[in-house]
Amino acid sequence: MIYTILYTKKAIEYIQNLKAAKLADKAENLCKSLTINSMPLNSKKLYRNLVGKRSIRINLQHRLVYEIKKL
């Protein structure tokens, strides 16, 4: 199954910060991989105020948080 990625306004702002940190390419590659496999082995289920979302580490300081919704 192929998934579509929709970015929030806040996510677009964070992408600009990632460009400054030279991590935008890695984040983009992770997003592309999520279109094919929405739950890769290195993703983690989140809890508390982020229930229903998952995350993947970009590096030690940054992570990509995403949610899977059926349209």
N, C-alpha and C. Protein backbone atom coordinates (compact mmCIF):
# COMPACT_ATOMS: atom_id res chain seq x y z
N MET A 1 0.84 -1.17 0.00
CA MET A 1 0.00 0.00 0.00
C MET A 1 0.89 1.24 0.00
N ILE A 2 0.55 2.22 -0.80
CA ILE A 2 1.29 3.47 -0.87
C ILE A 2 0.55 4.51 -0.03
N TYR A 3 1.29 5.24 0.78
CA TYR A 3 0.72 6.25 1.66
C TYR A 3 1.04 7.64 1.12
N THR A 4 0.21 8.61 1.48
CA THR A 4 0.43 10.01 1.11
C THR A 4 0.83 10.77 2.36
N ILE A 5 1.79 11.66 2.22
CA ILE A 5 2.25 12.45 3.36
C ILE A 5 1.67 13.85 3.25
N LEU A 6 1.02 14.30 4.32
CA LEU A 6 0.49 15.65 4.41
C LEU A 6 1.27 16.36 5.52
N TYR A 7 1.82 17.52 5.23
CA TYR A 7 2.61 18.27 6.20
C TYR A 7 1.76 19.34 6.87
N THR A 8 1.90 19.49 8.18
CA THR A 8 1.23 20.57 8.89
C THR A 8 2.05 21.85 8.71
N LYS A 9 1.46 22.99 9.05
CA LYS A 9 2.19 24.26 8.96
C LYS A 9 3.42 24.23 9.87
N LYS A 10 3.24 23.66 11.04
CA LYS A 10 4.35 23.57 11.99
C LYS A 10 5.48 22.70 11.43
N ALA A 11 5.13 21.64 10.75
CA ALA A 11 6.14 20.75 10.15
C ALA A 11 6.95 21.49 9.10
N ILE A 12 6.30 22.32 8.31
CA ILE A 12 7.00 23.08 7.28
C ILE A 12 8.00 24.04 7.91
N GLU A 13 7.63 24.65 9.05
CA GLU A 13 8.56 25.52 9.77
C GLU A 13 9.76 24.73 10.27
N TYR A 14 9.52 23.54 10.79
CA TYR A 14 10.62 22.71 11.30
C TYR A 14 11.55 22.26 10.17
N ILE A 15 11.01 22.06 8.99
CA ILE A 15 11.84 21.67 7.86
C ILE A 15 12.88 22.76 7.57
N GLN A 16 12.47 24.02 7.71
CA GLN A 16 13.42 25.12 7.52
C GLN A 16 14.56 25.03 8.54
N ASN A 17 14.23 24.68 9.79
CA ASN A 17 15.26 24.52 10.81
C ASN A 17 16.18 23.35 10.48
N LEU A 18 15.62 22.29 9.94
CA LEU A 18 16.44 21.14 9.56
C LEU A 18 17.39 21.48 8.43
N LYS A 19 16.95 22.36 7.53
CA LYS A 19 17.85 22.79 6.45
C LYS A 19 19.05 23.52 7.03
N ALA A 20 18.82 24.34 8.05
CA ALA A 20 19.92 25.06 8.69
C ALA A 20 20.87 24.09 9.39
N ALA A 21 20.33 23.00 9.92
CA ALA A 21 21.15 21.99 10.61
C ALA A 21 21.70 20.94 9.64
N LYS A 22 21.41 21.12 8.35
CA LYS A 22 21.87 20.20 7.29
C LYS A 22 21.35 18.77 7.49
N LEU A 23 20.11 18.68 7.97
CA LEU A 23 19.47 17.37 8.17
C LEU A 23 18.24 17.19 7.28
N ALA A 24 17.97 18.16 6.44
CA ALA A 24 16.77 18.11 5.61
C ALA A 24 16.77 16.91 4.66
N ASP A 25 17.93 16.58 4.10
CA ASP A 25 17.99 15.44 3.17
C ASP A 25 17.65 14.13 3.87
N LYS A 26 18.18 13.96 5.07
CA LYS A 26 17.90 12.73 5.82
C LYS A 26 16.42 12.65 6.18
N ALA A 27 15.84 13.77 6.62
CA ALA A 27 14.42 13.80 6.96
C ALA A 27 13.57 13.51 5.72
N GLU A 28 13.95 14.06 4.59
CA GLU A 28 13.21 13.82 3.35
C GLU A 28 13.26 12.35 2.95
N ASN A 29 14.42 11.72 3.10
CA ASN A 29 14.54 10.30 2.79
C ASN A 29 13.68 9.45 3.73
N LEU A 30 13.61 9.84 5.00
CA LEU A 30 12.75 9.12 5.94
C LEU A 30 11.28 9.26 5.54
N CYS A 31 10.88 10.46 5.14
CA CYS A 31 9.49 10.68 4.70
C CYS A 31 9.16 9.85 3.47
N LYS A 32 10.08 9.80 2.53
CA LYS A 32 9.85 8.99 1.33
C LYS A 32 9.71 7.51 1.68
N SER A 33 10.52 7.05 2.64
CA SER A 33 10.42 5.64 3.03
C SER A 33 9.10 5.35 3.74
N LEU A 34 8.53 6.36 4.42
CA LEU A 34 7.24 6.18 5.09
C LEU A 34 6.09 6.02 4.11
N THR A 35 6.24 6.52 2.89
CA THR A 35 5.17 6.35 1.90
C THR A 35 5.01 4.89 1.50
N ILE A 36 6.08 4.11 1.67
CA ILE A 36 6.04 2.68 1.32
C ILE A 36 5.76 1.82 2.54
N ASN A 37 6.45 2.10 3.63
CA ASN A 37 6.31 1.32 4.86
C ASN A 37 6.04 2.28 6.01
N SER A 38 4.79 2.35 6.46
CA SER A 38 4.42 3.34 7.47
C SER A 38 4.88 2.98 8.88
N MET A 39 5.28 1.74 9.10
CA MET A 39 5.74 1.32 10.42
C MET A 39 7.07 0.58 10.32
N PRO A 40 8.15 1.29 10.00
CA PRO A 40 9.45 0.61 9.93
C PRO A 40 9.88 0.11 11.30
N LEU A 41 10.80 -0.82 11.31
CA LEU A 41 11.24 -1.43 12.57
C LEU A 41 11.85 -0.43 13.54
N ASN A 42 12.48 0.63 13.04
CA ASN A 42 13.11 1.58 13.94
C ASN A 42 12.16 2.69 14.42
N SER A 43 10.88 2.60 14.10
CA SER A 43 9.92 3.58 14.60
C SER A 43 9.39 3.14 15.96
N LYS A 44 9.02 4.13 16.76
CA LYS A 44 8.51 3.83 18.10
C LYS A 44 7.13 4.43 18.29
N LYS A 45 6.30 3.70 18.98
CA LYS A 45 4.96 4.16 19.33
C LYS A 45 5.10 5.18 20.46
N LEU A 46 4.35 6.30 20.36
CA LEU A 46 4.44 7.34 21.37
C LEU A 46 3.27 7.26 22.35
N TYR A 47 3.45 7.84 23.51
CA TYR A 47 2.47 7.75 24.60
C TYR A 47 2.11 9.13 25.13
N ARG A 48 1.26 9.14 26.13
CA ARG A 48 0.78 10.34 26.82
C ARG A 48 0.10 11.30 25.86
N ASN A 49 0.61 12.53 25.72
CA ASN A 49 -0.08 13.50 24.88
C ASN A 49 0.14 13.25 23.38
N LEU A 50 0.95 12.26 23.04
CA LEU A 50 1.21 11.93 21.63
C LEU A 50 0.67 10.55 21.26
N VAL A 51 -0.33 10.08 21.97
CA VAL A 51 -0.93 8.77 21.69
C VAL A 51 -1.45 8.75 20.26
N GLY A 52 -1.17 7.66 19.57
CA GLY A 52 -1.61 7.51 18.19
C GLY A 52 -0.57 7.95 17.18
N LYS A 53 0.52 8.51 17.67
CA LYS A 53 1.59 8.94 16.79
C LYS A 53 2.80 8.03 16.94
N ARG A 54 3.71 8.08 15.98
CA ARG A 54 4.94 7.29 16.01
C ARG A 54 6.10 8.23 15.74
N SER A 55 7.31 7.79 16.05
CA SER A 55 8.48 8.62 15.78
C SER A 55 9.64 7.79 15.26
N ILE A 56 10.49 8.46 14.50
CA ILE A 56 11.74 7.89 13.99
C ILE A 56 12.82 8.93 14.26
N ARG A 57 13.95 8.49 14.74
CA ARG A 57 15.08 9.39 15.00
C ARG A 57 15.73 9.84 13.70
N ILE A 58 15.95 11.14 13.58
CA ILE A 58 16.74 11.69 12.48
C ILE A 58 18.20 11.66 12.91
N ASN A 59 18.43 12.12 14.13
CA ASN A 59 19.73 11.99 14.80
C ASN A 59 19.46 12.01 16.30
N LEU A 60 20.48 12.15 17.13
CA LEU A 60 20.25 12.11 18.58
C LEU A 60 19.38 13.26 19.07
N GLN A 61 19.45 14.40 18.40
CA GLN A 61 18.72 15.58 18.84
C GLN A 61 17.34 15.72 18.20
N HIS A 62 17.16 15.25 17.00
CA HIS A 62 15.92 15.44 16.25
C HIS A 62 15.22 14.12 15.95
N ARG A 63 13.89 14.20 15.92
CA ARG A 63 13.10 13.03 15.53
C ARG A 63 11.95 13.48 14.65
N LEU A 64 11.48 12.56 13.87
CA LEU A 64 10.36 12.80 12.97
C LEU A 64 9.14 12.15 13.62
N VAL A 65 8.13 12.96 13.95
CA VAL A 65 6.90 12.45 14.57
C VAL A 65 5.82 12.45 13.50
N TYR A 66 5.12 11.33 13.38
CA TYR A 66 4.10 11.23 12.35
C TYR A 66 2.90 10.45 12.87
N GLU A 67 1.79 10.61 12.15
CA GLU A 67 0.54 9.94 12.49
C GLU A 67 -0.04 9.32 11.22
N ILE A 68 -0.59 8.15 11.35
CA ILE A 68 -1.19 7.46 10.21
C ILE A 68 -2.71 7.61 10.32
N LYS A 69 -3.32 8.18 9.29
CA LYS A 69 -4.77 8.36 9.26
C LYS A 69 -5.31 7.73 8.00
N LYS A 70 -6.45 7.10 8.11
CA LYS A 70 -7.13 6.57 6.93
C LYS A 70 -8.04 7.66 6.38
N LEU A 71 -7.94 7.89 5.09
CA LEU A 71 -8.76 8.94 4.45
C LEU A 71 -10.00 8.37 3.85
